[in-house]
């Protein structure tokens, strides 16, 4: 069993709202993908010397959070990892 299946079974056993579980799972997955997408966009990993004095230094971090229930608030950015219909 995967970690996702175990968490889903626990969630269902406690008779909690499935929408909240799916929202949490989607948020976790997106927050794991955001740093990888940033590395791909910038072309270098965190703490890599390539980024020094380039104007795109990765000097700081934040904990990303998926604000809306399912998706972006406005659709002005193109999604590279997950295409929306």
PDB file of N, CA and C in Angstrom:
ATOM      1  N   UNK A   1       0.839  -1.191   0.000  1.00  0.00           N
ATOM      2  CA  UNK A   1       0.000   0.000   0.000  1.00  0.00           C
ATOM      3  C   UNK A   1       0.878   1.247   0.000  1.00  0.00           C
ATOM      4  N   UNK A   2       0.418   2.242  -0.706  1.00  0.00           N
ATOM      5  CA  UNK A   2       1.152   3.506  -0.727  1.00  0.00           C
ATOM      6  C   UNK A   2       0.720   4.367   0.454  1.00  0.00           C
ATOM      7  N   UNK A   3       1.484   5.417   0.700  1.00  0.00           N
ATOM      8  CA  UNK A   3       1.146   6.343   1.783  1.00  0.00           C
ATOM      9  C   UNK A   3      -0.209   6.996   1.511  1.00  0.00           C
ATOM     10  N   UNK A   4      -0.485   7.303   0.245  1.00  0.00           N
ATOM     11  CA  UNK A   4      -1.771   7.899  -0.128  1.00  0.00           C
ATOM     12  C   UNK A   4      -2.926   6.971   0.228  1.00  0.00           C
ATOM     13  N   UNK A   5      -2.799   5.665  -0.086  1.00  0.00           N
ATOM     14  CA  UNK A   5      -3.879   4.713   0.215  1.00  0.00           C
ATOM     15  C   UNK A   5      -4.104   4.577   1.709  1.00  0.00           C
ATOM     16  N   UNK A   6      -3.017   4.566   2.464  1.00  0.00           N
ATOM     17  CA  UNK A   6      -3.139   4.444   3.920  1.00  0.00           C
ATOM     18  C   UNK A   6      -3.850   5.660   4.492  1.00  0.00           C
ATOM     19  N   UNK A   7      -3.451   6.855   4.033  1.00  0.00           N
ATOM     20  CA  UNK A   7      -4.101   8.074   4.522  1.00  0.00           C
ATOM     21  C   UNK A   7      -5.567   8.111   4.109  1.00  0.00           C
ATOM     22  N   UNK A   8      -5.873   7.667   2.888  1.00  0.00           N
ATOM     23  CA  UNK A   8      -7.260   7.643   2.424  1.00  0.00           C
ATOM     24  C   UNK A   8      -8.100   6.690   3.271  1.00  0.00           C
ATOM     25  N   UNK A   9      -7.583   5.511   3.551  1.00  0.00           N
ATOM     26  CA  UNK A   9      -8.318   4.557   4.393  1.00  0.00           C
ATOM     27  C   UNK A   9      -8.543   5.103   5.795  1.00  0.00           C
ATOM     28  N   UNK A  10      -7.523   5.739   6.367  1.00  0.00           N
ATOM     29  CA  UNK A  10      -7.684   6.343   7.692  1.00  0.00           C
ATOM     30  C   UNK A  10      -8.731   7.444   7.661  1.00  0.00           C
ATOM     31  N   UNK A  11      -8.724   8.238   6.614  1.00  0.00           N
ATOM     32  CA  UNK A  11      -9.670   9.335   6.482  1.00  0.00           C
ATOM     33  C   UNK A  11     -11.094   8.804   6.375  1.00  0.00           C
ATOM     34  N   UNK A  12     -11.271   7.760   5.569  1.00  0.00           N
ATOM     35  CA  UNK A  12     -12.601   7.167   5.407  1.00  0.00           C
ATOM     36  C   UNK A  12     -13.056   6.455   6.677  1.00  0.00           C
ATOM     37  N   UNK A  13     -12.134   5.834   7.393  1.00  0.00           N
ATOM     38  CA  UNK A  13     -12.481   5.144   8.637  1.00  0.00           C
ATOM     39  C   UNK A  13     -12.974   6.125   9.689  1.00  0.00           C
ATOM     40  N   UNK A  14     -12.443   7.345   9.662  1.00  0.00           N
ATOM     41  CA  UNK A  14     -12.863   8.367  10.629  1.00  0.00           C
ATOM     42  C   UNK A  14     -14.103   9.121  10.162  1.00  0.00           C
ATOM     43  N   UNK A  15     -14.621   8.747   8.985  1.00  0.00           N
ATOM     44  CA  UNK A  15     -15.835   9.348   8.409  1.00  0.00           C
ATOM     45  C   UNK A  15     -15.703  10.860   8.257  1.00  0.00           C
ATOM     46  N   UNK A  16     -14.543  11.279   7.762  1.00  0.00           N
ATOM     47  CA  UNK A  16     -14.327  12.700   7.513  1.00  0.00           C
ATOM     48  C   UNK A  16     -14.682  13.022   6.064  1.00  0.00           C
ATOM     49  N   UNK A  17     -14.780  14.308   5.756  1.00  0.00           N
ATOM     50  CA  UNK A  17     -15.176  14.775   4.429  1.00  0.00           C
ATOM     51  C   UNK A  17     -14.101  14.438   3.396  1.00  0.00           C
ATOM     52  N   UNK A  18     -14.490  13.734   2.340  1.00  0.00           N
ATOM     53  CA  UNK A  18     -13.530  13.318   1.312  1.00  0.00           C
ATOM     54  C   UNK A  18     -12.990  14.519   0.543  1.00  0.00           C
ATOM     55  N   UNK A  19     -13.787  15.585   0.395  1.00  0.00           N
ATOM     56  CA  UNK A  19     -13.317  16.784  -0.304  1.00  0.00           C
ATOM     57  C   UNK A  19     -12.124  17.400   0.410  1.00  0.00           C
ATOM     58  N   UNK A  20     -12.156  17.394   1.725  1.00  0.00           N
ATOM     59  CA  UNK A  20     -11.032  17.952   2.493  1.00  0.00           C
ATOM     60  C   UNK A  20      -9.781  17.100   2.298  1.00  0.00           C
ATOM     61  N   UNK A  21      -9.932  15.785   2.240  1.00  0.00           N
ATOM     62  CA  UNK A  21      -8.781  14.914   2.005  1.00  0.00           C
ATOM     63  C   UNK A  21      -8.188  15.159   0.624  1.00  0.00           C
ATOM     64  N   UNK A  22      -9.044  15.274  -0.392  1.00  0.00           N
ATOM     65  CA  UNK A  22      -8.552  15.520  -1.748  1.00  0.00           C
ATOM     66  C   UNK A  22      -7.887  16.889  -1.850  1.00  0.00           C
ATOM     67  N   UNK A  23      -8.445  17.900  -1.195  1.00  0.00           N
ATOM     68  CA  UNK A  23      -7.846  19.229  -1.199  1.00  0.00           C
ATOM     69  C   UNK A  23      -6.469  19.188  -0.558  1.00  0.00           C
ATOM     70  N   UNK A  24      -6.363  18.497   0.573  1.00  0.00           N
ATOM     71  CA  UNK A  24      -5.082  18.379   1.276  1.00  0.00           C
ATOM     72  C   UNK A  24      -4.056  17.628   0.422  1.00  0.00           C
ATOM     73  N   UNK A  25      -4.490  16.551  -0.231  1.00  0.00           N
ATOM     74  CA  UNK A  25      -3.580  15.765  -1.073  1.00  0.00           C
ATOM     75  C   UNK A  25      -3.099  16.576  -2.270  1.00  0.00           C
ATOM     76  N   UNK A  26      -4.007  17.320  -2.894  1.00  0.00           N
ATOM     77  CA  UNK A  26      -3.640  18.166  -4.026  1.00  0.00           C
ATOM     78  C   UNK A  26      -2.689  19.273  -3.589  1.00  0.00           C
ATOM     79  N   UNK A  27      -2.965  19.875  -2.449  1.00  0.00           N
ATOM     80  CA  UNK A  27      -2.097  20.934  -1.926  1.00  0.00           C
ATOM     81  C   UNK A  27      -0.693  20.399  -1.652  1.00  0.00           C
ATOM     82  N   UNK A  28      -0.598  19.229  -1.048  1.00  0.00           N
ATOM     83  CA  UNK A  28       0.703  18.626  -0.756  1.00  0.00           C
ATOM     84  C   UNK A  28       1.473  18.335  -2.041  1.00  0.00           C
ATOM     85  N   UNK A  29       0.787  17.776  -3.027  1.00  0.00           N
ATOM     86  CA  UNK A  29       1.446  17.461  -4.303  1.00  0.00           C
ATOM     87  C   UNK A  29       1.924  18.728  -5.002  1.00  0.00           C
ATOM     88  N   UNK A  30       1.096  19.753  -5.043  1.00  0.00           N
ATOM     89  CA  UNK A  30       1.481  21.006  -5.701  1.00  0.00           C
ATOM     90  C   UNK A  30       2.640  21.670  -4.976  1.00  0.00           C
ATOM     91  N   UNK A  31       2.617  21.654  -3.652  1.00  0.00           N
ATOM     92  CA  UNK A  31       3.705  22.268  -2.890  1.00  0.00           C
ATOM     93  C   UNK A  31       5.017  21.514  -3.069  1.00  0.00           C
ATOM     94  N   UNK A  32       4.956  20.228  -3.354  1.00  0.00           N
ATOM     95  CA  UNK A  32       6.169  19.466  -3.647  1.00  0.00           C
ATOM     96  C   UNK A  32       6.679  19.766  -5.056  1.00  0.00           C
ATOM     97  N   UNK A  33       5.769  20.071  -5.980  1.00  0.00           N
ATOM     98  CA  UNK A  33       6.156  20.338  -7.363  1.00  0.00           C
ATOM     99  C   UNK A  33       6.684  21.756  -7.581  1.00  0.00           C
ATOM    100  N   UNK A  34       6.246  22.716  -6.778  1.00  0.00           N
ATOM    101  CA  UNK A  34       6.642  24.111  -6.993  1.00  0.00           C
ATOM    102  C   UNK A  34       8.154  24.330  -6.961  1.00  0.00           C
ATOM    103  N   UNK A  35       8.899  23.793  -5.993  1.00  0.00           N
ATOM    104  CA  UNK A  35      10.357  24.000  -6.015  1.00  0.00           C
ATOM    105  C   UNK A  35      11.022  23.380  -7.246  1.00  0.00           C
ATOM    106  N   UNK A  36      10.531  22.245  -7.703  1.00  0.00           N
ATOM    107  CA  UNK A  36      11.096  21.612  -8.902  1.00  0.00           C
ATOM    108  C   UNK A  36      10.813  22.461 -10.135  1.00  0.00           C
ATOM    109  N   UNK A  37       9.624  23.035 -10.204  1.00  0.00           N
ATOM    110  CA  UNK A  37       9.288  23.891 -11.339  1.00  0.00           C
ATOM    111  C   UNK A  37      10.148  25.157 -11.330  1.00  0.00           C
ATOM    112  N   UNK A  38      10.412  25.710 -10.155  1.00  0.00           N
ATOM    113  CA  UNK A  38      11.267  26.894 -10.056  1.00  0.00           C
ATOM    114  C   UNK A  38      12.682  26.577 -10.518  1.00  0.00           C
ATOM    115  N   UNK A  39      13.209  25.432 -10.126  1.00  0.00           N
ATOM    116  CA  UNK A  39      14.549  25.027 -10.567  1.00  0.00           C
ATOM    117  C   UNK A  39      14.597  24.862 -12.084  1.00  0.00           C
ATOM    118  N   UNK A  40      13.560  24.270 -12.661  1.00  0.00           N
ATOM    119  CA  UNK A  40      13.519  24.086 -14.113  1.00  0.00           C
ATOM    120  C   UNK A  40      13.411  25.425 -14.827  1.00  0.00           C
ATOM    121  N   UNK A  41      12.642  26.344 -14.281  1.00  0.00           N
ATOM    122  CA  UNK A  41      12.461  27.655 -14.905  1.00  0.00           C
ATOM    123  C   UNK A  41      13.744  28.475 -14.853  1.00  0.00           C
ATOM    124  N   UNK A  42      14.413  28.484 -13.699  1.00  0.00           N
ATOM    125  CA  UNK A  42      15.638  29.271 -13.547  1.00  0.00           C
ATOM    126  C   UNK A  42      16.841  28.602 -14.193  1.00  0.00           C
ATOM    127  N   UNK A  43      16.819  27.289 -14.280  1.00  0.00           N
ATOM    128  CA  UNK A  43      17.915  26.571 -14.911  1.00  0.00           C
ATOM    129  C   UNK A  43      19.019  26.167 -13.964  1.00  0.00           C
ATOM    130  N   UNK A  44      18.801  26.297 -12.665  1.00  0.00           N
ATOM    131  CA  UNK A  44      19.794  25.862 -11.683  1.00  0.00           C
ATOM    132  C   UNK A  44      19.107  25.546 -10.366  1.00  0.00           C
ATOM    133  N   UNK A  45      19.781  24.727  -9.563  1.00  0.00           N
ATOM    134  CA  UNK A  45      19.254  24.290  -8.274  1.00  0.00           C
ATOM    135  C   UNK A  45      19.557  25.335  -7.197  1.00  0.00           C
ATOM    136  N   UNK A  46      18.879  25.256  -6.043  1.00  0.00           N
ATOM    137  CA  UNK A  46      19.212  26.164  -4.944  1.00  0.00           C
ATOM    138  C   UNK A  46      20.676  26.005  -4.536  1.00  0.00           C
ATOM    139  N   UNK A  47      21.303  27.094  -4.170  1.00  0.00           N
ATOM    140  CA  UNK A  47      22.698  27.150  -3.700  1.00  0.00           C
ATOM    141  C   UNK A  47      23.702  26.826  -4.799  1.00  0.00           C
ATOM    142  N   UNK A  48      23.269  26.787  -6.057  1.00  0.00           N
ATOM    143  CA  UNK A  48      24.184  26.541  -7.169  1.00  0.00           C
ATOM    144  C   UNK A  48      24.895  27.845  -7.517  1.00  0.00           C
ATOM    145  N   UNK A  49      26.166  27.777  -7.802  1.00  0.00           N
ATOM    146  CA  UNK A  49      26.963  28.969  -8.092  1.00  0.00           C
ATOM    147  C   UNK A  49      26.558  29.644  -9.401  1.00  0.00           C
ATOM    148  N   UNK A  50      25.863  28.939 -10.267  1.00  0.00           N
ATOM    149  CA  UNK A  50      25.435  29.512 -11.543  1.00  0.00           C
ATOM    150  C   UNK A  50      24.545  30.737 -11.326  1.00  0.00           C
ATOM    151  N   UNK A  51      23.754  30.736 -10.277  1.00  0.00           N
ATOM    152  CA  UNK A  51      22.807  31.815 -10.046  1.00  0.00           C
ATOM    153  C   UNK A  51      23.381  33.054  -9.395  1.00  0.00           C
ATOM    154  N   UNK A  52      24.601  33.003  -8.885  1.00  0.00           N
ATOM    155  CA  UNK A  52      25.178  34.153  -8.192  1.00  0.00           C
ATOM    156  C   UNK A  52      25.401  35.312  -9.150  1.00  0.00           C
ATOM    157  N   UNK A  53      24.999  36.506  -8.723  1.00  0.00           N
ATOM    158  CA  UNK A  53      25.144  37.750  -9.487  1.00  0.00           C
ATOM    159  C   UNK A  53      24.462  37.694 -10.853  1.00  0.00           C
ATOM    160  N   UNK A  54      23.438  36.898 -10.979  1.00  0.00           N
ATOM    161  CA  UNK A  54      22.713  36.819 -12.250  1.00  0.00           C
ATOM    162  C   UNK A  54      21.439  37.652 -12.225  1.00  0.00           C
ATOM    163  N   UNK A  55      21.087  38.178 -11.069  1.00  0.00           N
ATOM    164  CA  UNK A  55      19.831  38.896 -10.933  1.00  0.00           C
ATOM    165  C   UNK A  55      18.680  37.989 -10.537  1.00  0.00           C
ATOM    166  N   UNK A  56      18.896  36.696 -10.609  1.00  0.00           N
ATOM    167  CA  UNK A  56      17.877  35.719 -10.228  1.00  0.00           C
ATOM    168  C   UNK A  56      18.334  34.887  -9.045  1.00  0.00           C
ATOM    169  N   UNK A  57      19.107  35.462  -8.150  1.00  0.00           N
ATOM    170  CA  UNK A  57      19.603  34.702  -7.005  1.00  0.00           C
ATOM    171  C   UNK A  57      18.437  34.211  -6.160  1.00  0.00           C
ATOM    172  N   UNK A  58      18.558  32.998  -5.687  1.00  0.00           N
ATOM    173  CA  UNK A  58      17.503  32.406  -4.862  1.00  0.00           C
ATOM    174  C   UNK A  58      17.838  32.687  -3.406  1.00  0.00           C
ATOM    175  N   UNK A  59      17.645  33.911  -2.984  1.00  0.00           N
ATOM    176  CA  UNK A  59      18.054  34.330  -1.656  1.00  0.00           C
ATOM    177  C   UNK A  59      16.860  34.398  -0.712  1.00  0.00           C
ATOM    178  N   UNK A  60      16.388  33.290  -0.316  1.00  0.00           N
ATOM    179  CA  UNK A  60      15.270  33.249   0.612  1.00  0.00           C
ATOM    180  C   UNK A  60      14.304  32.162   0.204  1.00  0.00           C
ATOM    181  N   UNK A  61      13.383  31.872   1.083  1.00  0.00           N
ATOM    182  CA  UNK A  61      12.388  30.870   0.751  1.00  0.00           C
ATOM    183  C   UNK A  61      11.102  31.189   1.477  1.00  0.00           C
ATOM    184  N   UNK A  62      10.076  30.517   1.089  1.00  0.00           N
ATOM    185  CA  UNK A  62       8.779  30.660   1.718  1.00  0.00           C
ATOM    186  C   UNK A  62       8.073  29.326   1.619  1.00  0.00           C
ATOM    187  N   UNK A  63       7.103  29.149   2.461  1.00  0.00           N
ATOM    188  CA  UNK A  63       6.304  27.934   2.410  1.00  0.00           C
ATOM    189  C   UNK A  63       5.132  28.190   1.479  1.00  0.00           C
ATOM    190  N   UNK A  64       5.122  27.548   0.309  1.00  0.00           N
ATOM    191  CA  UNK A  64       4.026  27.788  -0.618  1.00  0.00           C
ATOM    192  C   UNK A  64       2.726  27.210  -0.076  1.00  0.00           C
ATOM    193  N   UNK A  65       1.642  27.819  -0.452  1.00  0.00           N
ATOM    194  CA  UNK A  65       0.337  27.336  -0.015  1.00  0.00           C
ATOM    195  C   UNK A  65      -0.647  27.475  -1.163  1.00  0.00           C
ATOM    196  N   UNK A  66      -1.439  26.462  -1.366  1.00  0.00           N
ATOM    197  CA  UNK A  66      -2.474  26.494  -2.380  1.00  0.00           C
ATOM    198  C   UNK A  66      -3.682  27.175  -1.755  1.00  0.00           C
ATOM    199  N   UNK A  67      -3.977  28.389  -2.170  1.00  0.00           N
ATOM    200  CA  UNK A  67      -5.011  29.189  -1.521  1.00  0.00           C
ATOM    201  C   UNK A  67      -6.425  28.729  -1.878  1.00  0.00           C
ATOM    202  N   UNK A  68      -6.778  28.625  -3.159  1.00  0.00           N
ATOM    203  CA  UNK A  68      -8.156  28.245  -3.459  1.00  0.00           C
ATOM    204  C   UNK A  68      -8.423  26.764  -3.210  1.00  0.00           C
ATOM    205  N   UNK A  69      -9.688  26.407  -3.215  1.00  0.00           N
ATOM    206  CA  UNK A  69     -10.057  25.019  -2.946  1.00  0.00           C
ATOM    207  C   UNK A  69      -9.477  24.074  -3.998  1.00  0.00           C
ATOM    208  N   UNK A  70      -9.633  24.389  -5.275  1.00  0.00           N
ATOM    209  CA  UNK A  70      -9.101  23.544  -6.352  1.00  0.00           C
ATOM    210  C   UNK A  70      -8.627  24.428  -7.499  1.00  0.00           C
ATOM    211  N   UNK A  71      -7.390  24.877  -7.448  1.00  0.00           N
ATOM    212  CA  UNK A  71      -6.828  25.590  -8.584  1.00  0.00           C
ATOM    213  C   UNK A  71      -6.379  26.998  -8.283  1.00  0.00           C
ATOM    214  N   UNK A  72      -6.123  27.750  -9.371  1.00  0.00           N
ATOM    215  CA  UNK A  72      -5.619  29.112  -9.256  1.00  0.00           C
ATOM    216  C   UNK A  72      -6.773  30.093  -9.121  1.00  0.00           C
ATOM    217  N   UNK A  73      -6.469  31.267  -8.548  1.00  0.00           N
ATOM    218  CA  UNK A  73      -7.496  32.287  -8.413  1.00  0.00           C
ATOM    219  C   UNK A  73      -7.789  32.961  -9.743  1.00  0.00           C
ATOM    220  N   UNK A  74      -6.775  33.226 -10.527  1.00  0.00           N
ATOM    221  CA  UNK A  74      -6.991  33.773 -11.860  1.00  0.00           C
ATOM    222  C   UNK A  74      -6.158  32.965 -12.842  1.00  0.00           C
ATOM    223  N   UNK A  75      -6.544  32.995 -14.074  1.00  0.00           N
ATOM    224  CA  UNK A  75      -5.929  32.097 -15.048  1.00  0.00           C
ATOM    225  C   UNK A  75      -4.993  32.851 -15.983  1.00  0.00           C
ATOM    226  N   UNK A  76      -4.114  33.702 -15.427  1.00  0.00           N
ATOM    227  CA  UNK A  76      -3.225  34.482 -16.279  1.00  0.00           C
ATOM    228  C   UNK A  76      -1.869  33.817 -16.494  1.00  0.00           C
ATOM    229  N   UNK A  77      -1.570  32.719 -15.813  1.00  0.00           N
ATOM    230  CA  UNK A  77      -0.310  32.007 -15.994  1.00  0.00           C
ATOM    231  C   UNK A  77      -0.564  30.677 -16.680  1.00  0.00           C
ATOM    232  N   UNK A  78       0.350  30.305 -17.564  1.00  0.00           N
ATOM    233  CA  UNK A  78       0.215  29.012 -18.229  1.00  0.00           C
ATOM    234  C   UNK A  78       0.793  27.920 -17.337  1.00  0.00           C
ATOM    235  N   UNK A  79       0.054  26.843 -17.155  1.00  0.00           N
ATOM    236  CA  UNK A  79       0.516  25.728 -16.332  1.00  0.00           C
ATOM    237  C   UNK A  79       1.430  24.846 -17.170  1.00  0.00           C
ATOM    238  N   UNK A  80       2.633  24.578 -16.674  1.00  0.00           N
ATOM    239  CA  UNK A  80       3.580  23.749 -17.405  1.00  0.00           C
ATOM    240  C   UNK A  80       3.478  22.285 -16.999  1.00  0.00           C
ATOM    241  N   UNK A  81       3.222  22.009 -15.737  1.00  0.00           N
ATOM    242  CA  UNK A  81       3.193  20.630 -15.273  1.00  0.00           C
ATOM    243  C   UNK A  81       1.835  19.979 -15.486  1.00  0.00           C
ATOM    244  N   UNK A  82       0.781  20.728 -15.206  1.00  0.00           N
ATOM    245  CA  UNK A  82      -0.567  20.182 -15.323  1.00  0.00           C
ATOM    246  C   UNK A  82      -1.373  21.129 -16.197  1.00  0.00           C
ATOM    247  N   UNK A  83      -1.752  20.688 -17.359  1.00  0.00           N
ATOM    248  CA  UNK A  83      -2.551  21.513 -18.265  1.00  0.00           C
ATOM    249  C   UNK A  83      -4.005  21.481 -17.822  1.00  0.00           C
ATOM    250  N   UNK A  84      -4.631  22.661 -17.777  1.00  0.00           N
ATOM    251  CA  UNK A  84      -6.040  22.743 -17.427  1.00  0.00           C
ATOM    252  C   UNK A  84      -6.855  22.806 -18.710  1.00  0.00           C
ATOM    253  N   UNK A  85      -8.040  22.215 -18.716  1.00  0.00           N
ATOM    254  CA  UNK A  85      -8.857  22.212 -19.945  1.00  0.00           C
ATOM    255  C   UNK A  85      -9.413  23.579 -20.258  1.00  0.00           C
TER     256      UNK A  85
END
